Amino acid sequence: MLRRWILDIQEKTFKMNRREKFSYVMTYYWYHMLIAVTVVALVVLFSSHFVLRKELEFTCVAVNQRMDEEWEKTIAEGFSKELEVGTSRVAVDSSYQFSYDDIKMEGVNESSYEKFFLKWQNGELDAVILSESFYRHCVKMSGRFLEVDKMGVEGMQIYEDDGKNTAVVLDEDCNGEALLLAFPSSGKHEEICRKFIAFMKENDEIGGNEYED
C-alpha cells in the first residue's frame, strides 16, 4: 500500500517543484500519513511491551483478609530483595474479597472470585494466604495444593489435609479461622515457594498478625 502511495505521488507531482510537491502531499495525503504514523506507533508500542515485559518471579494473594497496601509493599519489597530482583517482579495482592459457600461478604467485588480461579487455572498463583474454610472450598472446586514437607517448614505449625501436609498455619485470621499459607499445585515457581517459606519464617511479624483486627 505504501509503495502504491509513493508511485501515485511521483506520478502526479512529476512536473512540480519542491514547494508545490510538499503542498500537494500535505493537502491530499495528510490522512494517509496519519494512518501510517499511527500504525507504526502501535507496532512499536506493542513490540516494546512484549520485549521489555519481564515475567513475574512470584505471585502471592490473600483472600478475604483486611486489604492492606502497606503489608503488600512490605512483603513485595522484602522478598524481592531476598530474590535479588526488582520489586516489580514480585506481586502481592490483598484485594481478593468475595463470597463463597456460607460466607457472605458485603460491598465486595464478586468478579475477583472468577479472577482468582482463572489465575489458578493459568498457573499464575504461587502462594495463597487464606482461611481454612476457603481452603476447603478450593479443594471442593478441584483445587490442589503442594505438600510442604520438603519445603523447609521445620518449626512451623503445619496444616494436614487427608493425611498430607499441604499448608502452613500462620495465625488466626480476622474472622477467627486458621489462617493458612498454601501453594497451588498449578504454580510454576516451586523453588521460589521454598524461599518464600524461609522468608516468612525469618519475618513472622509480617505473616498473619497484620491481618488481625
N, C-alpha and C. Protein backbone atom coordinates (compact mmCIF):
# COMPACT_ATOMS: atom_id res chain seq x y z
N MET A 1 0.83 -1.21 0.00
CA MET A 1 0.00 0.00 0.00
C MET A 1 0.87 1.26 0.00
N LEU A 2 1.90 1.24 0.82
CA LEU A 2 2.79 2.39 0.89
C LEU A 2 3.49 2.63 -0.45
N ARG A 3 3.89 1.54 -1.08
CA ARG A 3 4.55 1.65 -2.39
C ARG A 3 3.60 2.27 -3.41
N ARG A 4 2.34 1.88 -3.34
CA ARG A 4 1.35 2.42 -4.28
C ARG A 4 1.17 3.92 -4.06
N TRP A 5 1.14 4.35 -2.78
CA TRP A 5 1.02 5.78 -2.50
C TRP A 5 2.20 6.56 -3.07
N ILE A 6 3.39 6.01 -2.87
CA ILE A 6 4.60 6.70 -3.34
C ILE A 6 4.59 6.83 -4.86
N LEU A 7 4.24 5.76 -5.55
CA LEU A 7 4.19 5.80 -7.01
C LEU A 7 3.13 6.78 -7.50
N ASP A 8 2.01 6.83 -6.81
CA ASP A 8 0.94 7.74 -7.18
C ASP A 8 1.37 9.20 -7.01
N ILE A 9 2.07 9.48 -5.91
CA ILE A 9 2.56 10.84 -5.66
C ILE A 9 3.60 11.23 -6.71
N GLN A 10 4.50 10.32 -7.00
CA GLN A 10 5.54 10.61 -8.00
C GLN A 10 4.93 10.91 -9.36
N GLU A 11 3.90 10.16 -9.69
CA GLU A 11 3.25 10.37 -11.00
C GLU A 11 2.55 11.72 -11.07
N LYS A 12 1.85 12.09 -10.02
CA LYS A 12 1.05 13.31 -10.04
C LYS A 12 1.87 14.57 -9.76
N THR A 13 3.05 14.43 -9.22
CA THR A 13 3.87 15.61 -8.91
C THR A 13 5.13 15.67 -9.79
N PHE A 14 5.11 14.92 -10.87
CA PHE A 14 6.30 14.81 -11.73
C PHE A 14 6.80 16.16 -12.21
N LYS A 15 5.92 17.05 -12.58
CA LYS A 15 6.30 18.35 -13.15
C LYS A 15 6.28 19.48 -12.12
N MET A 16 6.11 19.17 -10.86
CA MET A 16 6.04 20.19 -9.81
C MET A 16 7.42 20.43 -9.22
N ASN A 17 7.63 21.67 -8.71
CA ASN A 17 8.86 21.93 -7.98
C ASN A 17 8.71 21.43 -6.55
N ARG A 18 9.77 21.59 -5.74
CA ARG A 18 9.78 21.03 -4.39
C ARG A 18 8.68 21.59 -3.53
N ARG A 19 8.45 22.91 -3.60
CA ARG A 19 7.42 23.55 -2.77
C ARG A 19 6.03 23.07 -3.17
N GLU A 20 5.79 22.96 -4.46
CA GLU A 20 4.49 22.50 -4.94
C GLU A 20 4.24 21.05 -4.56
N LYS A 21 5.29 20.24 -4.63
CA LYS A 21 5.14 18.84 -4.23
C LYS A 21 4.77 18.73 -2.76
N PHE A 22 5.45 19.52 -1.92
CA PHE A 22 5.18 19.48 -0.48
C PHE A 22 3.74 19.90 -0.21
N SER A 23 3.30 20.96 -0.86
CA SER A 23 1.94 21.45 -0.68
C SER A 23 0.91 20.42 -1.12
N TYR A 24 1.20 19.76 -2.24
CA TYR A 24 0.28 18.76 -2.77
C TYR A 24 0.16 17.56 -1.82
N VAL A 25 1.28 17.10 -1.33
CA VAL A 25 1.28 15.95 -0.41
C VAL A 25 0.53 16.27 0.87
N MET A 26 0.78 17.46 1.45
CA MET A 26 0.13 17.85 2.69
C MET A 26 -1.36 18.06 2.51
N THR A 27 -1.77 18.43 1.31
CA THR A 27 -3.18 18.68 1.04
C THR A 27 -3.96 17.40 0.81
N TYR A 28 -3.39 16.49 0.02
CA TYR A 28 -4.15 15.31 -0.42
C TYR A 28 -3.75 14.00 0.27
N TYR A 29 -2.64 14.00 0.99
CA TYR A 29 -2.17 12.74 1.57
C TYR A 29 -1.93 12.81 3.08
N TRP A 30 -2.38 13.89 3.73
CA TRP A 30 -2.12 14.02 5.16
C TRP A 30 -2.74 12.88 5.97
N TYR A 31 -3.96 12.45 5.54
CA TYR A 31 -4.61 11.39 6.31
C TYR A 31 -3.93 10.04 6.08
N HIS A 32 -3.36 9.85 4.89
CA HIS A 32 -2.60 8.63 4.65
C HIS A 32 -1.37 8.59 5.56
N MET A 33 -0.73 9.77 5.68
CA MET A 33 0.45 9.86 6.53
C MET A 33 0.09 9.62 8.00
N LEU A 34 -1.07 10.16 8.39
CA LEU A 34 -1.52 9.98 9.77
C LEU A 34 -1.76 8.50 10.07
N ILE A 35 -2.40 7.80 9.14
CA ILE A 35 -2.65 6.36 9.31
C ILE A 35 -1.33 5.60 9.42
N ALA A 36 -0.40 5.93 8.54
CA ALA A 36 0.90 5.24 8.53
C ALA A 36 1.64 5.46 9.84
N VAL A 37 1.66 6.70 10.33
CA VAL A 37 2.35 7.02 11.58
C VAL A 37 1.68 6.29 12.75
N THR A 38 0.34 6.25 12.75
CA THR A 38 -0.39 5.57 13.82
C THR A 38 -0.07 4.08 13.85
N VAL A 39 -0.06 3.46 12.67
CA VAL A 39 0.24 2.03 12.59
C VAL A 39 1.65 1.74 13.09
N VAL A 40 2.60 2.55 12.65
CA VAL A 40 3.99 2.37 13.08
C VAL A 40 4.11 2.54 14.60
N ALA A 41 3.42 3.55 15.14
CA ALA A 41 3.48 3.80 16.58
C ALA A 41 2.90 2.63 17.37
N LEU A 42 1.79 2.05 16.88
CA LEU A 42 1.17 0.92 17.56
C LEU A 42 2.08 -0.31 17.52
N VAL A 43 2.72 -0.53 16.38
CA VAL A 43 3.63 -1.66 16.25
C VAL A 43 4.80 -1.52 17.22
N VAL A 44 5.36 -0.30 17.30
CA VAL A 44 6.48 -0.05 18.21
C VAL A 44 6.04 -0.21 19.65
N LEU A 45 4.83 0.29 19.98
CA LEU A 45 4.32 0.22 21.35
C LEU A 45 4.14 -1.22 21.80
N PHE A 46 3.45 -2.03 21.00
CA PHE A 46 3.21 -3.41 21.38
C PHE A 46 4.48 -4.25 21.35
N SER A 47 5.35 -3.96 20.41
CA SER A 47 6.61 -4.70 20.34
C SER A 47 7.45 -4.44 21.58
N SER A 48 7.55 -3.17 21.97
CA SER A 48 8.35 -2.83 23.16
C SER A 48 7.73 -3.41 24.42
N HIS A 49 6.39 -3.49 24.44
CA HIS A 49 5.71 -4.04 25.62
C HIS A 49 6.09 -5.51 25.82
N PHE A 50 6.05 -6.28 24.74
CA PHE A 50 6.34 -7.71 24.86
C PHE A 50 7.84 -7.98 25.00
N VAL A 51 8.66 -7.12 24.42
CA VAL A 51 10.10 -7.32 24.52
C VAL A 51 10.63 -6.94 25.89
N LEU A 52 10.12 -5.81 26.43
CA LEU A 52 10.63 -5.30 27.69
C LEU A 52 9.94 -5.89 28.91
N ARG A 53 8.73 -6.47 28.71
CA ARG A 53 8.00 -7.02 29.85
C ARG A 53 8.76 -8.19 30.47
N LYS A 54 8.88 -8.16 31.78
CA LYS A 54 9.58 -9.23 32.48
C LYS A 54 8.56 -10.07 33.24
N GLU A 55 8.69 -11.37 33.11
CA GLU A 55 7.76 -12.28 33.76
C GLU A 55 7.90 -12.17 35.28
N LEU A 56 6.75 -12.27 35.97
CA LEU A 56 6.77 -12.23 37.42
C LEU A 56 7.51 -13.44 37.98
N GLU A 57 8.31 -13.20 38.99
CA GLU A 57 9.04 -14.28 39.66
C GLU A 57 8.16 -14.98 40.68
N PHE A 58 7.21 -14.22 41.26
CA PHE A 58 6.42 -14.79 42.36
C PHE A 58 5.15 -13.97 42.54
N THR A 59 4.02 -14.68 42.76
CA THR A 59 2.74 -14.02 42.99
C THR A 59 2.08 -14.62 44.22
N CYS A 60 1.74 -13.76 45.16
CA CYS A 60 1.05 -14.18 46.38
C CYS A 60 -0.21 -13.34 46.55
N VAL A 61 -1.35 -13.99 46.80
CA VAL A 61 -2.58 -13.25 47.05
C VAL A 61 -3.15 -13.66 48.40
N ALA A 62 -3.84 -12.74 49.05
CA ALA A 62 -4.54 -13.01 50.30
C ALA A 62 -6.03 -12.87 50.04
N VAL A 63 -6.79 -13.86 50.46
CA VAL A 63 -8.22 -13.91 50.16
C VAL A 63 -9.05 -13.59 51.40
N ASN A 64 -9.95 -12.62 51.25
CA ASN A 64 -10.92 -12.25 52.30
C ASN A 64 -10.27 -11.86 53.62
N GLN A 65 -9.12 -11.22 53.53
CA GLN A 65 -8.48 -10.65 54.71
C GLN A 65 -8.48 -9.13 54.56
N ARG A 66 -8.01 -8.45 55.57
CA ARG A 66 -8.02 -6.99 55.54
C ARG A 66 -7.10 -6.49 54.44
N MET A 67 -7.65 -5.67 53.53
CA MET A 67 -6.83 -5.11 52.46
C MET A 67 -5.84 -4.12 53.06
N ASP A 68 -4.57 -4.30 52.74
CA ASP A 68 -3.51 -3.54 53.38
C ASP A 68 -2.38 -3.31 52.40
N GLU A 69 -2.34 -2.15 51.81
CA GLU A 69 -1.30 -1.83 50.82
C GLU A 69 0.08 -1.78 51.46
N GLU A 70 0.15 -1.35 52.71
CA GLU A 70 1.44 -1.28 53.39
C GLU A 70 2.01 -2.68 53.60
N TRP A 71 1.13 -3.63 53.98
CA TRP A 71 1.56 -5.01 54.14
C TRP A 71 2.03 -5.58 52.80
N GLU A 72 1.27 -5.31 51.74
CA GLU A 72 1.66 -5.78 50.41
C GLU A 72 3.06 -5.25 50.04
N LYS A 73 3.27 -3.98 50.29
CA LYS A 73 4.56 -3.34 49.95
C LYS A 73 5.69 -3.95 50.76
N THR A 74 5.45 -4.19 52.05
CA THR A 74 6.49 -4.76 52.91
C THR A 74 6.90 -6.15 52.43
N ILE A 75 5.90 -6.98 52.11
CA ILE A 75 6.20 -8.32 51.62
C ILE A 75 6.93 -8.27 50.29
N ALA A 76 6.40 -7.48 49.35
CA ALA A 76 6.98 -7.43 48.00
C ALA A 76 8.42 -6.91 48.03
N GLU A 77 8.64 -5.84 48.78
CA GLU A 77 9.99 -5.27 48.84
C GLU A 77 10.96 -6.22 49.55
N GLY A 78 10.51 -6.81 50.66
CA GLY A 78 11.39 -7.70 51.41
C GLY A 78 11.74 -8.95 50.64
N PHE A 79 10.74 -9.56 50.01
CA PHE A 79 11.01 -10.82 49.31
C PHE A 79 11.75 -10.60 47.99
N SER A 80 11.48 -9.51 47.32
CA SER A 80 12.22 -9.23 46.08
C SER A 80 13.70 -9.01 46.39
N LYS A 81 13.97 -8.44 47.56
CA LYS A 81 15.37 -8.26 47.99
C LYS A 81 16.02 -9.63 48.21
N GLU A 82 15.26 -10.56 48.82
CA GLU A 82 15.77 -11.91 49.02
C GLU A 82 16.08 -12.58 47.68
N LEU A 83 15.22 -12.35 46.70
CA LEU A 83 15.41 -12.98 45.38
C LEU A 83 16.40 -12.22 44.51
N GLU A 84 16.77 -11.01 44.96
CA GLU A 84 17.68 -10.15 44.21
C GLU A 84 17.10 -9.79 42.85
N VAL A 85 15.81 -9.41 42.87
CA VAL A 85 15.13 -8.95 41.66
C VAL A 85 14.43 -7.64 41.99
N GLY A 86 13.96 -6.95 40.96
CA GLY A 86 13.22 -5.71 41.18
C GLY A 86 11.87 -5.98 41.82
N THR A 87 11.35 -5.02 42.55
CA THR A 87 10.06 -5.19 43.23
C THR A 87 8.92 -5.45 42.25
N SER A 88 9.06 -5.03 41.01
CA SER A 88 8.02 -5.25 40.02
C SER A 88 7.90 -6.71 39.63
N ARG A 89 8.89 -7.53 40.02
CA ARG A 89 8.87 -8.95 39.67
C ARG A 89 8.18 -9.79 40.75
N VAL A 90 7.79 -9.16 41.86
CA VAL A 90 7.08 -9.85 42.94
C VAL A 90 5.73 -9.17 43.15
N ALA A 91 4.65 -9.93 42.99
CA ALA A 91 3.30 -9.37 43.14
C ALA A 91 2.64 -9.91 44.40
N VAL A 92 2.18 -8.98 45.24
CA VAL A 92 1.46 -9.34 46.46
C VAL A 92 0.15 -8.55 46.46
N ASP A 93 -0.97 -9.24 46.62
CA ASP A 93 -2.28 -8.59 46.42
C ASP A 93 -3.26 -9.07 47.49
N SER A 94 -3.78 -8.15 48.28
CA SER A 94 -4.76 -8.50 49.32
C SER A 94 -6.16 -8.00 48.96
N SER A 95 -6.41 -7.74 47.68
CA SER A 95 -7.69 -7.17 47.26
C SER A 95 -8.73 -8.22 46.88
N TYR A 96 -8.41 -9.49 47.04
CA TYR A 96 -9.36 -10.54 46.67
C TYR A 96 -10.40 -10.71 47.77
N GLN A 97 -11.60 -10.17 47.53
CA GLN A 97 -12.68 -10.20 48.51
C GLN A 97 -13.94 -10.69 47.81
N PHE A 98 -14.50 -11.80 48.27
CA PHE A 98 -15.71 -12.32 47.61
C PHE A 98 -16.42 -13.32 48.52
N SER A 99 -17.66 -13.64 48.17
CA SER A 99 -18.46 -14.61 48.91
C SER A 99 -18.23 -16.01 48.35
N TYR A 100 -18.43 -16.99 49.20
CA TYR A 100 -18.36 -18.39 48.77
C TYR A 100 -19.08 -19.23 49.81
N ASP A 101 -19.70 -20.32 49.38
CA ASP A 101 -20.44 -21.22 50.27
C ASP A 101 -21.32 -20.41 51.23
N ASP A 102 -21.14 -20.61 52.53
CA ASP A 102 -21.96 -19.90 53.51
C ASP A 102 -21.35 -18.56 53.94
N ILE A 103 -20.19 -18.24 53.39
CA ILE A 103 -19.53 -16.97 53.73
C ILE A 103 -20.07 -15.89 52.80
N LYS A 104 -20.77 -14.92 53.38
CA LYS A 104 -21.36 -13.85 52.59
C LYS A 104 -20.66 -12.53 52.93
N MET A 105 -20.05 -11.95 51.91
CA MET A 105 -19.34 -10.69 52.08
C MET A 105 -20.18 -9.55 51.49
N GLU A 106 -20.16 -8.40 52.13
CA GLU A 106 -20.91 -7.25 51.64
C GLU A 106 -19.96 -6.20 51.08
N GLY A 107 -20.41 -5.53 50.03
CA GLY A 107 -19.64 -4.43 49.47
C GLY A 107 -18.31 -4.84 48.86
N VAL A 108 -18.27 -6.04 48.26
CA VAL A 108 -17.02 -6.52 47.66
C VAL A 108 -17.22 -6.72 46.16
N ASN A 109 -16.10 -6.85 45.47
CA ASN A 109 -16.12 -7.07 44.03
C ASN A 109 -16.16 -8.57 43.75
N GLU A 110 -17.35 -9.09 43.51
CA GLU A 110 -17.51 -10.53 43.36
C GLU A 110 -16.76 -11.07 42.13
N SER A 111 -16.43 -10.21 41.18
CA SER A 111 -15.71 -10.68 39.99
C SER A 111 -14.32 -11.19 40.34
N SER A 112 -13.82 -10.82 41.52
CA SER A 112 -12.49 -11.29 41.91
C SER A 112 -12.49 -12.80 42.18
N TYR A 113 -13.68 -13.37 42.39
CA TYR A 113 -13.78 -14.83 42.55
C TYR A 113 -13.37 -15.51 41.24
N GLU A 114 -13.96 -15.06 40.13
CA GLU A 114 -13.60 -15.63 38.83
C GLU A 114 -12.14 -15.33 38.49
N LYS A 115 -11.69 -14.13 38.85
CA LYS A 115 -10.30 -13.75 38.58
C LYS A 115 -9.34 -14.67 39.34
N PHE A 116 -9.68 -14.99 40.58
CA PHE A 116 -8.83 -15.85 41.40
C PHE A 116 -8.66 -17.22 40.75
N PHE A 117 -9.78 -17.86 40.41
CA PHE A 117 -9.70 -19.21 39.86
C PHE A 117 -9.17 -19.24 38.43
N LEU A 118 -9.34 -18.14 37.70
CA LEU A 118 -8.73 -18.07 36.37
C LEU A 118 -7.21 -18.04 36.48
N LYS A 119 -6.71 -17.23 37.43
CA LYS A 119 -5.27 -17.19 37.66
C LYS A 119 -4.75 -18.55 38.14
N TRP A 120 -5.53 -19.20 39.00
CA TRP A 120 -5.15 -20.54 39.47
C TRP A 120 -5.03 -21.49 38.28
N GLN A 121 -6.04 -21.50 37.44
CA GLN A 121 -6.06 -22.40 36.30
C GLN A 121 -4.89 -22.13 35.35
N ASN A 122 -4.52 -20.87 35.21
CA ASN A 122 -3.44 -20.49 34.29
C ASN A 122 -2.06 -20.61 34.92
N GLY A 123 -2.00 -21.09 36.17
CA GLY A 123 -0.71 -21.25 36.83
C GLY A 123 -0.07 -19.94 37.24
N GLU A 124 -0.89 -18.91 37.50
CA GLU A 124 -0.37 -17.59 37.82
C GLU A 124 -0.34 -17.31 39.32
N LEU A 125 -0.74 -18.28 40.14
CA LEU A 125 -0.71 -18.11 41.60
C LEU A 125 0.35 -19.04 42.18
N ASP A 126 1.31 -18.47 42.87
CA ASP A 126 2.35 -19.26 43.53
C ASP A 126 2.00 -19.54 44.98
N ALA A 127 1.45 -18.55 45.67
CA ALA A 127 1.12 -18.71 47.09
C ALA A 127 -0.20 -18.02 47.38
N VAL A 128 -0.95 -18.61 48.31
CA VAL A 128 -2.24 -18.04 48.71
C VAL A 128 -2.32 -18.02 50.23
N ILE A 129 -2.69 -16.89 50.77
CA ILE A 129 -2.97 -16.76 52.20
C ILE A 129 -4.48 -16.75 52.34
N LEU A 130 -5.00 -17.75 53.04
CA LEU A 130 -6.45 -17.96 53.03
C LEU A 130 -6.93 -18.61 54.31
N SER A 131 -8.21 -18.47 54.59
CA SER A 131 -8.80 -19.10 55.77
C SER A 131 -8.98 -20.59 55.51
N GLU A 132 -9.15 -21.35 56.58
CA GLU A 132 -9.34 -22.79 56.44
C GLU A 132 -10.60 -23.09 55.63
N SER A 133 -11.66 -22.33 55.84
CA SER A 133 -12.90 -22.60 55.11
C SER A 133 -12.74 -22.36 53.61
N PHE A 134 -11.96 -21.35 53.23
CA PHE A 134 -11.76 -21.13 51.80
C PHE A 134 -10.80 -22.18 51.23
N TYR A 135 -9.88 -22.65 52.04
CA TYR A 135 -9.03 -23.77 51.62
C TYR A 135 -9.91 -24.96 51.26
N ARG A 136 -10.88 -25.28 52.15
CA ARG A 136 -11.76 -26.40 51.88
C ARG A 136 -12.60 -26.15 50.63
N HIS A 137 -12.98 -24.91 50.41
CA HIS A 137 -13.76 -24.57 49.21
C HIS A 137 -12.91 -24.82 47.96
N CYS A 138 -11.66 -24.44 47.99
CA CYS A 138 -10.76 -24.65 46.84
C CYS A 138 -10.63 -26.14 46.53
N VAL A 139 -10.51 -26.95 47.60
CA VAL A 139 -10.41 -28.40 47.40
C VAL A 139 -11.70 -28.92 46.78
N LYS A 140 -12.83 -28.40 47.23
CA LYS A 140 -14.12 -28.83 46.67
C LYS A 140 -14.24 -28.45 45.20
N MET A 141 -13.55 -27.36 44.82
CA MET A 141 -13.54 -26.91 43.42
C MET A 141 -12.44 -27.58 42.61
N SER A 142 -11.91 -28.68 43.15
CA SER A 142 -10.86 -29.48 42.50
C SER A 142 -9.49 -28.80 42.53
N GLY A 143 -9.31 -27.82 43.39
CA GLY A 143 -8.00 -27.21 43.55
C GLY A 143 -7.09 -28.10 44.37
N ARG A 144 -5.83 -28.16 44.00
CA ARG A 144 -4.87 -28.98 44.72
C ARG A 144 -3.69 -28.13 45.16
N PHE A 145 -3.11 -28.50 46.30
CA PHE A 145 -2.00 -27.74 46.87
C PHE A 145 -0.76 -28.62 46.97
N LEU A 146 0.40 -27.99 46.89
CA LEU A 146 1.66 -28.70 47.05
C LEU A 146 1.80 -29.18 48.49
N GLU A 147 2.45 -30.33 48.67
CA GLU A 147 2.81 -30.76 50.02
C GLU A 147 4.03 -29.97 50.47
N VAL A 148 4.04 -29.58 51.72
CA VAL A 148 5.07 -28.67 52.22
C VAL A 148 6.17 -29.37 53.02
N ASP A 149 6.11 -30.70 53.13
CA ASP A 149 7.06 -31.43 53.97
C ASP A 149 8.52 -31.11 53.65
N LYS A 150 8.83 -31.00 52.35
CA LYS A 150 10.22 -30.80 51.93
C LYS A 150 10.50 -29.34 51.55
N MET A 151 9.72 -28.43 52.11
CA MET A 151 9.87 -27.02 51.75
C MET A 151 10.44 -26.19 52.88
N GLY A 152 11.10 -26.84 53.84
CA GLY A 152 11.75 -26.10 54.92
C GLY A 152 10.79 -25.56 55.96
N VAL A 153 9.79 -26.35 56.33
CA VAL A 153 8.77 -25.89 57.27
C VAL A 153 9.06 -26.30 58.72
N GLU A 154 10.25 -26.82 58.98
CA GLU A 154 10.59 -27.24 60.34
C GLU A 154 10.37 -26.09 61.33
N GLY A 155 9.70 -26.40 62.43
CA GLY A 155 9.44 -25.39 63.44
C GLY A 155 8.19 -24.58 63.21
N MET A 156 7.50 -24.82 62.10
CA MET A 156 6.27 -24.11 61.80
C MET A 156 5.08 -25.03 62.05
N GLN A 157 3.93 -24.43 62.36
CA GLN A 157 2.72 -25.22 62.56
C GLN A 157 2.18 -25.64 61.19
N ILE A 158 1.92 -26.93 61.03
CA ILE A 158 1.55 -27.48 59.73
C ILE A 158 0.06 -27.82 59.70
N TYR A 159 -0.55 -27.60 58.55
CA TYR A 159 -1.95 -27.95 58.34
C TYR A 159 -2.01 -29.25 57.55
N GLU A 160 -2.78 -30.21 58.08
CA GLU A 160 -2.88 -31.52 57.44
C GLU A 160 -4.22 -31.68 56.74
N ASP A 161 -4.17 -32.18 55.52
CA ASP A 161 -5.38 -32.41 54.75
C ASP A 161 -5.33 -33.83 54.19
N ASP A 162 -6.25 -34.67 54.66
CA ASP A 162 -6.34 -36.05 54.18
C ASP A 162 -5.01 -36.79 54.30
N GLY A 163 -4.33 -36.58 55.44
CA GLY A 163 -3.08 -37.27 55.69
C GLY A 163 -1.86 -36.64 55.05
N LYS A 164 -2.05 -35.52 54.35
CA LYS A 164 -0.93 -34.84 53.69
C LYS A 164 -0.75 -33.45 54.28
N ASN A 165 0.49 -33.02 54.43
CA ASN A 165 0.79 -31.68 54.95
C ASN A 165 0.80 -30.69 53.78
N THR A 166 -0.26 -29.90 53.68
CA THR A 166 -0.45 -29.09 52.48
C THR A 166 -0.45 -27.59 52.72
N ALA A 167 -0.21 -27.16 53.95
CA ALA A 167 -0.20 -25.73 54.22
C ALA A 167 0.53 -25.44 55.53
N VAL A 168 0.86 -24.18 55.71
CA VAL A 168 1.46 -23.70 56.95
C VAL A 168 0.42 -22.83 57.65
N VAL A 169 0.27 -23.03 58.95
CA VAL A 169 -0.65 -22.20 59.74
C VAL A 169 0.09 -20.95 60.18
N LEU A 170 -0.37 -19.81 59.72
CA LEU A 170 0.29 -18.54 60.08
C LEU A 170 -0.22 -18.01 61.41
N ASP A 171 -1.55 -18.05 61.56
CA ASP A 171 -2.16 -17.44 62.75
C ASP A 171 -3.66 -17.68 62.64
N GLU A 172 -4.43 -16.89 63.37
CA GLU A 172 -5.87 -16.82 63.15
C GLU A 172 -6.15 -15.60 62.30
N ASP A 173 -7.13 -15.71 61.40
CA ASP A 173 -7.46 -14.55 60.58
C ASP A 173 -8.45 -13.66 61.31
N CYS A 174 -8.90 -12.62 60.63
CA CYS A 174 -9.76 -11.62 61.27
C CYS A 174 -11.13 -12.18 61.63
N ASN A 175 -11.49 -13.37 61.12
CA ASN A 175 -12.78 -13.99 61.43
C ASN A 175 -12.64 -15.14 62.43
N GLY A 176 -11.43 -15.32 62.98
CA GLY A 176 -11.22 -16.35 63.98
C GLY A 176 -10.90 -17.71 63.42
N GLU A 177 -10.75 -17.82 62.10
CA GLU A 177 -10.38 -19.10 61.49
C GLU A 177 -8.86 -19.23 61.42
N ALA A 178 -8.40 -20.47 61.23
CA ALA A 178 -6.98 -20.67 60.99
C ALA A 178 -6.59 -19.98 59.69
N LEU A 179 -5.53 -19.20 59.73
CA LEU A 179 -5.04 -18.51 58.55
C LEU A 179 -3.89 -19.32 57.97
N LEU A 180 -4.05 -19.77 56.74
CA LEU A 180 -3.11 -20.70 56.13
C LEU A 180 -2.30 -20.05 55.02
N LEU A 181 -1.10 -20.55 54.85
CA LEU A 181 -0.27 -20.22 53.70
C LEU A 181 -0.14 -21.51 52.90
N ALA A 182 -0.68 -21.51 51.68
CA ALA A 182 -0.66 -22.71 50.85
C ALA A 182 -0.19 -22.36 49.45
N PHE A 183 0.20 -23.40 48.71
CA PHE A 183 0.80 -23.19 47.39
C PHE A 183 0.08 -24.04 46.34
N PRO A 184 -0.71 -23.41 45.47
CA PRO A 184 -1.43 -24.16 44.44
C PRO A 184 -0.47 -25.02 43.61
N SER A 185 -0.88 -26.25 43.35
CA SER A 185 -0.02 -27.16 42.59
C SER A 185 0.17 -26.72 41.15
N SER A 186 -0.67 -25.81 40.67
CA SER A 186 -0.53 -25.32 39.29
C SER A 186 0.54 -24.25 39.16
N GLY A 187 1.05 -23.75 40.29
CA GLY A 187 2.08 -22.70 40.26
C GLY A 187 3.35 -23.18 39.55
N LYS A 188 4.10 -22.21 39.03
CA LYS A 188 5.26 -22.54 38.20
C LYS A 188 6.61 -22.27 38.89
N HIS A 189 6.58 -21.85 40.17
CA HIS A 189 7.82 -21.45 40.82
C HIS A 189 7.99 -22.14 42.16
N GLU A 190 8.02 -23.46 42.14
CA GLU A 190 8.06 -24.22 43.39
C GLU A 190 9.31 -23.91 44.21
N GLU A 191 10.45 -23.78 43.56
CA GLU A 191 11.68 -23.50 44.29
C GLU A 191 11.60 -22.13 44.98
N ILE A 192 10.98 -21.17 44.33
CA ILE A 192 10.83 -19.84 44.94
C ILE A 192 9.85 -19.91 46.10
N CYS A 193 8.87 -20.82 46.01
CA CYS A 193 7.95 -21.01 47.14
C CYS A 193 8.71 -21.45 48.38
N ARG A 194 9.70 -22.29 48.22
CA ARG A 194 10.53 -22.71 49.35
C ARG A 194 11.23 -21.50 49.97
N LYS A 195 11.72 -20.62 49.11
CA LYS A 195 12.39 -19.42 49.59
C LYS A 195 11.41 -18.50 50.30
N PHE A 196 10.16 -18.51 49.84
CA PHE A 196 9.15 -17.66 50.47
C PHE A 196 8.84 -18.16 51.88
N ILE A 197 8.78 -19.47 52.06
CA ILE A 197 8.57 -20.02 53.40
C ILE A 197 9.71 -19.59 54.33
N ALA A 198 10.94 -19.68 53.85
CA ALA A 198 12.09 -19.26 54.66
C ALA A 198 11.99 -17.78 55.00
N PHE A 199 11.54 -16.99 54.04
CA PHE A 199 11.38 -15.55 54.25
C PHE A 199 10.32 -15.29 55.32
N MET A 200 9.20 -16.02 55.26
CA MET A 200 8.14 -15.82 56.24
C MET A 200 8.57 -16.28 57.63
N LYS A 201 9.38 -17.34 57.71
CA LYS A 201 9.89 -17.81 59.00
C LYS A 201 10.78 -16.75 59.64
N GLU A 202 11.58 -16.10 58.83
CA GLU A 202 12.50 -15.09 59.35
C GLU A 202 11.79 -13.79 59.68
N ASN A 203 10.61 -13.60 59.12
CA ASN A 203 9.87 -12.35 59.31
C ASN A 203 8.45 -12.66 59.75
N ASP A 204 8.30 -13.45 60.82
CA ASP A 204 6.97 -13.90 61.22
C ASP A 204 6.07 -12.76 61.66
N GLU A 205 6.64 -11.60 61.95
CA GLU A 205 5.80 -10.47 62.36
C GLU A 205 4.99 -9.90 61.21
N ILE A 206 5.34 -10.28 59.96
CA ILE A 206 4.56 -9.79 58.82
C ILE A 206 3.75 -10.91 58.20
N GLY A 207 3.65 -12.03 58.92
CA GLY A 207 2.89 -13.15 58.39
C GLY A 207 1.40 -12.96 58.57
N GLY A 208 0.83 -13.53 59.64
CA GLY A 208 -0.61 -13.45 59.80
C GLY A 208 -1.06 -12.33 60.72
N ASN A 209 -0.19 -11.86 61.60
CA ASN A 209 -0.62 -10.88 62.61
C ASN A 209 -1.14 -9.60 62.02
N GLU A 210 -0.63 -9.21 60.88
CA GLU A 210 -1.09 -7.97 60.27
C GLU A 210 -2.54 -8.04 59.84
N TYR A 211 -3.11 -9.25 59.81
CA TYR A 211 -4.47 -9.40 59.35
C TYR A 211 -5.50 -9.39 60.48
N GLU A 212 -5.03 -9.36 61.70
CA GLU A 212 -5.99 -9.36 62.81
C GLU A 212 -6.48 -7.93 63.07
N ASP A 213 -7.78 -7.85 63.35
CA ASP A 213 -8.35 -6.53 63.68
C ASP A 213 -8.01 -6.16 65.12
